């Protein structure tokens, strides 16, 4: 049985204003000044549609809604699409790798 490859990971660049949020900075003690702050997620939708839903407040993460600027496909496009379980794993793995690189990362 072939797994359906319809899920995607995505990365949203967040405004640097998110650094004023205590919860965000507390979650990113190793953030390197100058690198992007991002939200990492996964979806069964096209990432563009999911981003629009975040900004519209539909099943949105507060940081993505309030501080989301745009998608960063250069950080995720090569992985998409994939089966659901792979996307669940990749969401966490990508967030960890970006955080280890010094990005400010929020992953819900």
C-alpha atoms as a PDB file:
ATOM      1  CA  UNK A   1       0.000   0.000   0.000  1.00  0.00           C
ATOM      2  CA  UNK A   2       1.457   3.326  -1.070  1.00  0.00           C
ATOM      3  CA  UNK A   3       1.450   6.115   1.524  1.00  0.00           C
ATOM      4  CA  UNK A   4      -0.254   9.310   0.390  1.00  0.00           C
ATOM      5  CA  UNK A   5       2.212  12.151   0.184  1.00  0.00           C
ATOM      6  CA  UNK A   6       0.013  15.130   0.845  1.00  0.00           C
ATOM      7  CA  UNK A   7       1.479  16.736   3.962  1.00  0.00           C
ATOM      8  CA  UNK A   8       3.940  19.597   4.117  1.00  0.00           C
ATOM      9  CA  UNK A   9       6.228  21.274   6.585  1.00  0.00           C
ATOM     10  CA  UNK A  10       6.535  25.043   6.384  1.00  0.00           C
ATOM     11  CA  UNK A  11       8.510  27.886   7.927  1.00  0.00           C
ATOM     12  CA  UNK A  12       7.160  31.397   8.523  1.00  0.00           C
ATOM     13  CA  UNK A  13       9.558  34.247   9.160  1.00  0.00           C
ATOM     14  CA  UNK A  14       8.476  36.236  12.200  1.00  0.00           C
ATOM     15  CA  UNK A  15       9.023  39.934  12.814  1.00  0.00           C
ATOM     16  CA  UNK A  16      11.863  40.710  15.224  1.00  0.00           C
ATOM     17  CA  UNK A  17       9.134  42.221  17.434  1.00  0.00           C
ATOM     18  CA  UNK A  18       8.535  38.645  18.635  1.00  0.00           C
ATOM     19  CA  UNK A  19      11.779  39.007  20.614  1.00  0.00           C
ATOM     20  CA  UNK A  20       9.831  41.250  23.016  1.00  0.00           C
ATOM     21  CA  UNK A  21       7.716  38.219  23.954  1.00  0.00           C
ATOM     22  CA  UNK A  22       9.072  36.616  27.124  1.00  0.00           C
ATOM     23  CA  UNK A  23       7.790  33.149  26.186  1.00  0.00           C
ATOM     24  CA  UNK A  24       9.584  33.312  22.849  1.00  0.00           C
ATOM     25  CA  UNK A  25      12.921  34.527  24.212  1.00  0.00           C
ATOM     26  CA  UNK A  26      12.781  32.064  27.107  1.00  0.00           C
ATOM     27  CA  UNK A  27      12.329  29.229  24.584  1.00  0.00           C
ATOM     28  CA  UNK A  28      15.337  30.476  22.580  1.00  0.00           C
ATOM     29  CA  UNK A  29      18.216  31.107  25.000  1.00  0.00           C
ATOM     30  CA  UNK A  30      20.822  30.399  22.279  1.00  0.00           C
ATOM     31  CA  UNK A  31      19.316  32.746  19.678  1.00  0.00           C
ATOM     32  CA  UNK A  32      22.033  34.445  17.616  1.00  0.00           C
ATOM     33  CA  UNK A  33      21.292  38.117  17.010  1.00  0.00           C
ATOM     34  CA  UNK A  34      20.716  38.839  13.342  1.00  0.00           C
ATOM     35  CA  UNK A  35      19.369  35.423  12.369  1.00  0.00           C
ATOM     36  CA  UNK A  36      15.672  35.074  11.530  1.00  0.00           C
ATOM     37  CA  UNK A  37      12.965  34.267  14.033  1.00  0.00           C
ATOM     38  CA  UNK A  38      10.624  31.619  12.623  1.00  0.00           C
ATOM     39  CA  UNK A  39       7.541  29.520  13.225  1.00  0.00           C
ATOM     40  CA  UNK A  40       7.762  25.898  12.030  1.00  0.00           C
ATOM     41  CA  UNK A  41       4.629  23.905  11.329  1.00  0.00           C
ATOM     42  CA  UNK A  42       3.129  21.060   9.332  1.00  0.00           C
ATOM     43  CA  UNK A  43      -0.091  20.865   7.366  1.00  0.00           C
ATOM     44  CA  UNK A  44      -2.164  18.817   4.976  1.00  0.00           C
ATOM     45  CA  UNK A  45      -2.773  22.051   3.044  1.00  0.00           C
ATOM     46  CA  UNK A  46      -0.584  23.968   0.648  1.00  0.00           C
ATOM     47  CA  UNK A  47       1.784  26.063   2.831  1.00  0.00           C
ATOM     48  CA  UNK A  48       0.525  29.288   1.199  1.00  0.00           C
ATOM     49  CA  UNK A  49      -3.043  28.492   2.211  1.00  0.00           C
ATOM     50  CA  UNK A  50      -1.951  27.535   5.731  1.00  0.00           C
ATOM     51  CA  UNK A  51      -0.047  30.819   6.085  1.00  0.00           C
ATOM     52  CA  UNK A  52      -3.146  32.752   5.008  1.00  0.00           C
ATOM     53  CA  UNK A  53      -5.206  30.885   7.624  1.00  0.00           C
ATOM     54  CA  UNK A  54      -2.684  31.772  10.352  1.00  0.00           C
ATOM     55  CA  UNK A  55      -2.891  35.450   9.391  1.00  0.00           C
ATOM     56  CA  UNK A  56      -6.706  35.313   9.299  1.00  0.00           C
ATOM     57  CA  UNK A  57      -6.811  33.779  12.779  1.00  0.00           C
ATOM     58  CA  UNK A  58      -8.184  30.428  11.592  1.00  0.00           C
ATOM     59  CA  UNK A  59      -6.654  27.660  13.732  1.00  0.00           C
ATOM     60  CA  UNK A  60      -3.664  29.941  14.070  1.00  0.00           C
ATOM     61  CA  UNK A  61      -0.701  30.103  16.349  1.00  0.00           C
ATOM     62  CA  UNK A  62      -0.556  33.477  18.103  1.00  0.00           C
ATOM     63  CA  UNK A  63       3.054  34.160  17.097  1.00  0.00           C
ATOM     64  CA  UNK A  64       2.366  33.221  13.463  1.00  0.00           C
ATOM     65  CA  UNK A  65      -0.748  35.415  13.401  1.00  0.00           C
ATOM     66  CA  UNK A  66       0.706  38.480  15.116  1.00  0.00           C
ATOM     67  CA  UNK A  67       4.300  38.392  13.872  1.00  0.00           C
ATOM     68  CA  UNK A  68       4.230  36.299  10.684  1.00  0.00           C
ATOM     69  CA  UNK A  69       5.791  38.106   7.721  1.00  0.00           C
ATOM     70  CA  UNK A  70       6.063  35.526   4.931  1.00  0.00           C
ATOM     71  CA  UNK A  71       6.924  31.928   4.165  1.00  0.00           C
ATOM     72  CA  UNK A  72      10.575  30.883   3.809  1.00  0.00           C
ATOM     73  CA  UNK A  73      10.358  28.069   1.210  1.00  0.00           C
ATOM     74  CA  UNK A  74      14.142  27.945   0.904  1.00  0.00           C
ATOM     75  CA  UNK A  75      14.112  26.225   4.313  1.00  0.00           C
ATOM     76  CA  UNK A  76      11.450  23.579   3.610  1.00  0.00           C
ATOM     77  CA  UNK A  77      10.416  23.170  -0.039  1.00  0.00           C
ATOM     78  CA  UNK A  78      12.844  20.325  -0.742  1.00  0.00           C
ATOM     79  CA  UNK A  79      11.067  18.096   1.808  1.00  0.00           C
ATOM     80  CA  UNK A  80       7.493  18.492   0.527  1.00  0.00           C
ATOM     81  CA  UNK A  81       5.157  16.713   0.032  1.00  0.00           C
ATOM     82  CA  UNK A  82       5.418  13.697   2.333  1.00  0.00           C
ATOM     83  CA  UNK A  83       3.265  11.215   4.247  1.00  0.00           C
ATOM     84  CA  UNK A  84       1.679  12.394   7.502  1.00  0.00           C
ATOM     85  CA  UNK A  85       4.050  10.542   9.848  1.00  0.00           C
ATOM     86  CA  UNK A  86       7.096  11.846   7.972  1.00  0.00           C
ATOM     87  CA  UNK A  87       5.736  15.393   8.197  1.00  0.00           C
ATOM     88  CA  UNK A  88       5.180  15.031  11.956  1.00  0.00           C
ATOM     89  CA  UNK A  89       8.798  13.947  12.363  1.00  0.00           C
ATOM     90  CA  UNK A  90      10.192  16.552   9.948  1.00  0.00           C
ATOM     91  CA  UNK A  91       8.385  19.422  11.702  1.00  0.00           C
ATOM     92  CA  UNK A  92      10.216  18.668  14.951  1.00  0.00           C
ATOM     93  CA  UNK A  93      13.518  17.809  13.249  1.00  0.00           C
ATOM     94  CA  UNK A  94      13.536  21.010  11.186  1.00  0.00           C
ATOM     95  CA  UNK A  95      12.710  23.133  14.241  1.00  0.00           C
ATOM     96  CA  UNK A  96      15.558  21.518  16.190  1.00  0.00           C
ATOM     97  CA  UNK A  97      18.054  22.011  13.344  1.00  0.00           C
ATOM     98  CA  UNK A  98      17.122  25.668  12.912  1.00  0.00           C
ATOM     99  CA  UNK A  99      17.332  26.267  16.666  1.00  0.00           C
ATOM    100  CA  UNK A 100      20.765  24.592  16.773  1.00  0.00           C
ATOM    101  CA  UNK A 101      21.848  26.947  13.977  1.00  0.00           C
ATOM    102  CA  UNK A 102      20.924  29.945  16.135  1.00  0.00           C
ATOM    103  CA  UNK A 103      17.514  30.817  14.720  1.00  0.00           C
ATOM    104  CA  UNK A 104      14.768  31.941  17.078  1.00  0.00           C
ATOM    105  CA  UNK A 105      12.208  29.130  16.687  1.00  0.00           C
ATOM    106  CA  UNK A 106       8.638  28.527  17.766  1.00  0.00           C
ATOM    107  CA  UNK A 107       7.134  25.143  16.988  1.00  0.00           C
ATOM    108  CA  UNK A 108       3.745  24.279  18.461  1.00  0.00           C
END
